Amino acid sequence: MTIPFDKLTPTPITYDKEMKLKTGSWRTFKPVIDNEKCIKCFICWKFCPDVSVIVEDEDSFPEINYEYCKGCGICAHECPKDAIDMEKEV
């Protein structure tokens, strides 16, 4: 099931581009999106507790902002198509 882009409700956390606290360095694993499997349902965006999934518009694939992603894996767990793999940081 794909949710229309205009029907997505805002996340409860506001993304502040001026935020100085970058938490990506805490990560052990990072989410990697496979665009071949992704159906653009944006569930990853909705569930990300750090607002690290970026969605530009309904035609683009979601992207991960690794400066703020802590690698919790919620996006991968919630993805209905298993389009997100958690890969070990090197």
N, C-alpha and C. Protein backbone atom coordinates (compact mmCIF):
# COMPACT_ATOMS: atom_id res chain seq x y z
N MET A 1 0.84 -1.17 0.00
CA MET A 1 0.00 0.00 0.00
C MET A 1 0.89 1.24 0.00
N THR A 2 0.64 2.14 -0.91
CA THR A 2 1.39 3.38 -0.98
C THR A 2 0.50 4.51 -0.46
N ILE A 3 1.06 5.30 0.45
CA ILE A 3 0.33 6.44 0.99
C ILE A 3 0.62 7.64 0.10
N PRO A 4 -0.44 8.33 -0.38
CA PRO A 4 -0.20 9.51 -1.21
C PRO A 4 0.63 10.55 -0.45
N PHE A 5 1.59 11.14 -1.13
CA PHE A 5 2.51 12.09 -0.51
C PHE A 5 1.78 13.20 0.22
N ASP A 6 0.71 13.72 -0.37
CA ASP A 6 -0.01 14.83 0.26
C ASP A 6 -0.82 14.40 1.48
N LYS A 7 -0.92 13.10 1.73
CA LYS A 7 -1.65 12.59 2.89
C LYS A 7 -0.74 12.29 4.07
N LEU A 8 0.58 12.42 3.88
CA LEU A 8 1.51 12.19 4.98
C LEU A 8 1.36 13.31 6.00
N THR A 9 1.20 12.94 7.24
CA THR A 9 1.13 13.95 8.29
C THR A 9 2.54 14.30 8.73
N PRO A 10 2.74 15.51 9.20
CA PRO A 10 4.08 15.90 9.65
C PRO A 10 4.55 15.02 10.80
N THR A 11 5.86 14.83 10.87
CA THR A 11 6.40 14.06 11.99
C THR A 11 6.28 14.91 13.25
N PRO A 12 6.26 14.29 14.41
CA PRO A 12 6.12 15.06 15.65
C PRO A 12 7.37 15.85 16.02
N ILE A 13 8.48 15.61 15.33
CA ILE A 13 9.73 16.30 15.62
C ILE A 13 10.04 17.22 14.45
N THR A 14 10.43 18.44 14.74
CA THR A 14 10.78 19.38 13.69
C THR A 14 12.24 19.23 13.34
N TYR A 15 12.53 19.15 12.07
CA TYR A 15 13.92 19.06 11.60
C TYR A 15 14.49 20.46 11.54
N ASP A 16 15.52 20.71 12.30
CA ASP A 16 16.16 22.02 12.37
C ASP A 16 17.51 21.94 11.67
N LYS A 17 17.63 22.56 10.51
CA LYS A 17 18.87 22.48 9.73
C LYS A 17 20.03 23.20 10.42
N GLU A 18 19.72 24.06 11.37
CA GLU A 18 20.77 24.77 12.08
C GLU A 18 21.24 24.00 13.32
N MET A 19 20.68 22.83 13.51
CA MET A 19 21.01 22.02 14.68
C MET A 19 22.50 21.70 14.70
N LYS A 20 23.15 21.93 15.82
CA LYS A 20 24.60 21.72 15.93
C LYS A 20 24.95 20.32 16.40
N LEU A 21 24.03 19.63 17.06
CA LEU A 21 24.31 18.31 17.60
C LEU A 21 24.11 17.24 16.53
N LYS A 22 25.20 16.83 15.92
CA LYS A 22 25.14 15.78 14.91
C LYS A 22 25.44 14.46 15.59
N THR A 23 24.51 13.53 15.50
CA THR A 23 24.58 12.30 16.28
C THR A 23 24.97 11.08 15.44
N GLY A 24 25.25 11.27 14.18
CA GLY A 24 25.58 10.15 13.30
C GLY A 24 26.83 9.37 13.69
N SER A 25 27.71 10.00 14.43
CA SER A 25 28.95 9.32 14.82
C SER A 25 28.72 8.22 15.85
N TRP A 26 27.53 8.11 16.42
CA TRP A 26 27.21 7.09 17.41
C TRP A 26 26.92 5.75 16.75
N ARG A 27 26.71 5.76 15.47
CA ARG A 27 26.21 4.61 14.73
C ARG A 27 27.20 3.46 14.64
N THR A 28 26.68 2.22 14.75
CA THR A 28 27.46 1.02 14.48
C THR A 28 27.01 0.42 13.16
N PHE A 29 25.70 0.51 12.89
CA PHE A 29 25.12 0.06 11.62
C PHE A 29 24.41 1.24 10.97
N LYS A 30 24.38 1.25 9.65
CA LYS A 30 23.69 2.33 8.94
C LYS A 30 22.65 1.74 7.99
N PRO A 31 21.52 2.42 7.82
CA PRO A 31 20.51 1.96 6.88
C PRO A 31 20.89 2.34 5.45
N VAL A 32 20.71 1.39 4.54
CA VAL A 32 20.97 1.63 3.12
C VAL A 32 19.70 1.23 2.37
N ILE A 33 19.16 2.17 1.61
CA ILE A 33 17.91 1.94 0.88
C ILE A 33 18.19 1.38 -0.49
N ASP A 34 17.50 0.29 -0.83
CA ASP A 34 17.57 -0.31 -2.16
C ASP A 34 16.41 0.26 -2.98
N ASN A 35 16.72 1.19 -3.87
CA ASN A 35 15.68 1.85 -4.66
C ASN A 35 14.95 0.90 -5.60
N GLU A 36 15.55 -0.25 -5.89
CA GLU A 36 14.87 -1.24 -6.73
C GLU A 36 13.68 -1.86 -6.00
N LYS A 37 13.78 -2.00 -4.69
CA LYS A 37 12.71 -2.58 -3.89
C LYS A 37 11.75 -1.53 -3.32
N CYS A 38 12.22 -0.30 -3.18
CA CYS A 38 11.44 0.77 -2.54
C CYS A 38 10.19 1.10 -3.36
N ILE A 39 9.06 1.20 -2.66
CA ILE A 39 7.79 1.54 -3.32
C ILE A 39 7.35 2.98 -2.99
N LYS A 40 8.23 3.74 -2.34
CA LYS A 40 7.97 5.13 -1.98
C LYS A 40 6.73 5.26 -1.10
N CYS A 41 6.59 4.39 -0.12
CA CYS A 41 5.47 4.48 0.81
C CYS A 41 5.78 5.48 1.92
N PHE A 42 7.06 5.80 2.11
CA PHE A 42 7.55 6.77 3.08
C PHE A 42 7.28 6.39 4.53
N ILE A 43 7.05 5.11 4.77
CA ILE A 43 6.87 4.64 6.15
C ILE A 43 8.17 4.83 6.92
N CYS A 44 9.31 4.69 6.26
CA CYS A 44 10.61 4.91 6.91
C CYS A 44 10.69 6.35 7.43
N TRP A 45 10.23 7.28 6.65
CA TRP A 45 10.22 8.70 7.03
C TRP A 45 9.33 8.92 8.25
N LYS A 46 8.18 8.30 8.22
CA LYS A 46 7.21 8.48 9.29
C LYS A 46 7.71 7.94 10.63
N PHE A 47 8.42 6.82 10.61
CA PHE A 47 8.83 6.17 11.85
C PHE A 47 10.20 6.60 12.37
N CYS A 48 10.98 7.31 11.58
CA CYS A 48 12.33 7.69 12.01
C CYS A 48 12.27 8.63 13.22
N PRO A 49 12.79 8.21 14.36
CA PRO A 49 12.73 9.06 15.55
C PRO A 49 13.69 10.24 15.52
N ASP A 50 14.65 10.22 14.60
CA ASP A 50 15.64 11.30 14.52
C ASP A 50 15.42 12.22 13.32
N VAL A 51 14.34 12.02 12.59
CA VAL A 51 14.03 12.79 11.38
C VAL A 51 15.23 12.76 10.43
N SER A 52 15.80 11.57 10.27
CA SER A 52 16.98 11.40 9.42
C SER A 52 16.63 10.92 8.03
N VAL A 53 15.38 10.58 7.79
CA VAL A 53 14.94 10.18 6.45
C VAL A 53 14.41 11.43 5.76
N ILE A 54 15.00 11.75 4.64
CA ILE A 54 14.64 12.95 3.89
C ILE A 54 13.80 12.56 2.68
N VAL A 55 12.67 13.24 2.50
CA VAL A 55 11.81 13.03 1.34
C VAL A 55 11.63 14.39 0.68
N GLU A 56 12.18 14.54 -0.51
CA GLU A 56 12.12 15.82 -1.23
C GLU A 56 10.72 16.06 -1.81
N ASP A 57 10.19 15.06 -2.50
CA ASP A 57 8.85 15.15 -3.08
C ASP A 57 8.35 13.74 -3.35
N GLU A 58 7.12 13.62 -3.80
CA GLU A 58 6.51 12.31 -3.97
C GLU A 58 7.15 11.46 -5.07
N ASP A 59 7.91 12.07 -5.97
CA ASP A 59 8.54 11.33 -7.06
C ASP A 59 9.94 10.85 -6.72
N SER A 60 10.51 11.37 -5.65
CA SER A 60 11.88 10.98 -5.31
C SER A 60 11.89 9.88 -4.26
N PHE A 61 12.99 9.14 -4.25
CA PHE A 61 13.16 8.10 -3.25
C PHE A 61 13.59 8.74 -1.93
N PRO A 62 13.25 8.12 -0.82
CA PRO A 62 13.74 8.65 0.45
C PRO A 62 15.26 8.49 0.53
N GLU A 63 15.89 9.39 1.25
CA GLU A 63 17.33 9.35 1.45
C GLU A 63 17.61 9.44 2.94
N ILE A 64 18.76 8.96 3.36
CA ILE A 64 19.14 9.00 4.76
C ILE A 64 20.14 10.13 4.99
N ASN A 65 19.89 10.97 5.98
CA ASN A 65 20.85 11.99 6.39
C ASN A 65 21.73 11.34 7.46
N TYR A 66 22.89 10.89 7.05
CA TYR A 66 23.77 10.15 7.94
C TYR A 66 24.42 11.01 9.03
N GLU A 67 24.32 12.32 8.93
CA GLU A 67 24.85 13.17 9.99
C GLU A 67 24.02 13.05 11.27
N TYR A 68 22.74 12.69 11.13
CA TYR A 68 21.85 12.61 12.29
C TYR A 68 21.34 11.20 12.56
N CYS A 69 21.47 10.29 11.62
CA CYS A 69 21.00 8.92 11.79
C CYS A 69 21.86 8.20 12.83
N LYS A 70 21.19 7.63 13.85
CA LYS A 70 21.92 6.91 14.90
C LYS A 70 22.01 5.42 14.61
N GLY A 71 21.37 4.96 13.54
CA GLY A 71 21.44 3.55 13.17
C GLY A 71 20.56 2.65 14.00
N CYS A 72 19.44 3.15 14.46
CA CYS A 72 18.55 2.36 15.33
C CYS A 72 17.88 1.20 14.60
N GLY A 73 17.69 1.33 13.29
CA GLY A 73 17.10 0.25 12.49
C GLY A 73 15.58 0.23 12.44
N ILE A 74 14.94 1.24 13.03
CA ILE A 74 13.48 1.27 12.99
C ILE A 74 12.98 1.37 11.55
N CYS A 75 13.64 2.15 10.72
CA CYS A 75 13.23 2.29 9.32
C CYS A 75 13.27 0.94 8.61
N ALA A 76 14.33 0.18 8.84
CA ALA A 76 14.46 -1.14 8.21
C ALA A 76 13.42 -2.11 8.73
N HIS A 77 13.14 -2.03 10.02
CA HIS A 77 12.15 -2.93 10.63
C HIS A 77 10.74 -2.64 10.10
N GLU A 78 10.41 -1.38 9.90
CA GLU A 78 9.06 -1.00 9.47
C GLU A 78 8.84 -1.08 7.96
N CYS A 79 9.90 -1.15 7.17
CA CYS A 79 9.76 -1.17 5.71
C CYS A 79 8.99 -2.41 5.26
N PRO A 80 7.84 -2.24 4.59
CA PRO A 80 7.03 -3.38 4.19
C PRO A 80 7.63 -4.20 3.05
N LYS A 81 8.61 -3.68 2.35
CA LYS A 81 9.22 -4.37 1.21
C LYS A 81 10.66 -4.79 1.48
N ASP A 82 11.11 -4.69 2.71
CA ASP A 82 12.50 -5.02 3.07
C ASP A 82 13.49 -4.33 2.14
N ALA A 83 13.23 -3.06 1.87
CA ALA A 83 14.08 -2.29 0.97
C ALA A 83 15.22 -1.59 1.69
N ILE A 84 15.28 -1.74 3.01
CA ILE A 84 16.33 -1.09 3.78
C ILE A 84 17.14 -2.15 4.52
N ASP A 85 18.43 -2.18 4.23
CA ASP A 85 19.35 -3.09 4.91
C ASP A 85 20.19 -2.31 5.90
N MET A 86 20.44 -2.91 7.05
CA MET A 86 21.33 -2.31 8.03
C MET A 86 22.73 -2.88 7.79
N GLU A 87 23.64 -2.02 7.35
CA GLU A 87 25.00 -2.45 7.04
C GLU A 87 25.97 -1.95 8.10
N LYS A 88 26.95 -2.76 8.40
CA LYS A 88 27.96 -2.42 9.40
C LYS A 88 28.76 -1.20 8.93
N GLU A 89 28.96 -0.25 9.84
CA GLU A 89 29.80 0.92 9.55
C GLU A 89 31.25 0.46 9.45
N VAL A 90 31.98 1.07 8.56
CA VAL A 90 33.41 0.74 8.43
C VAL A 90 34.26 1.91 8.86
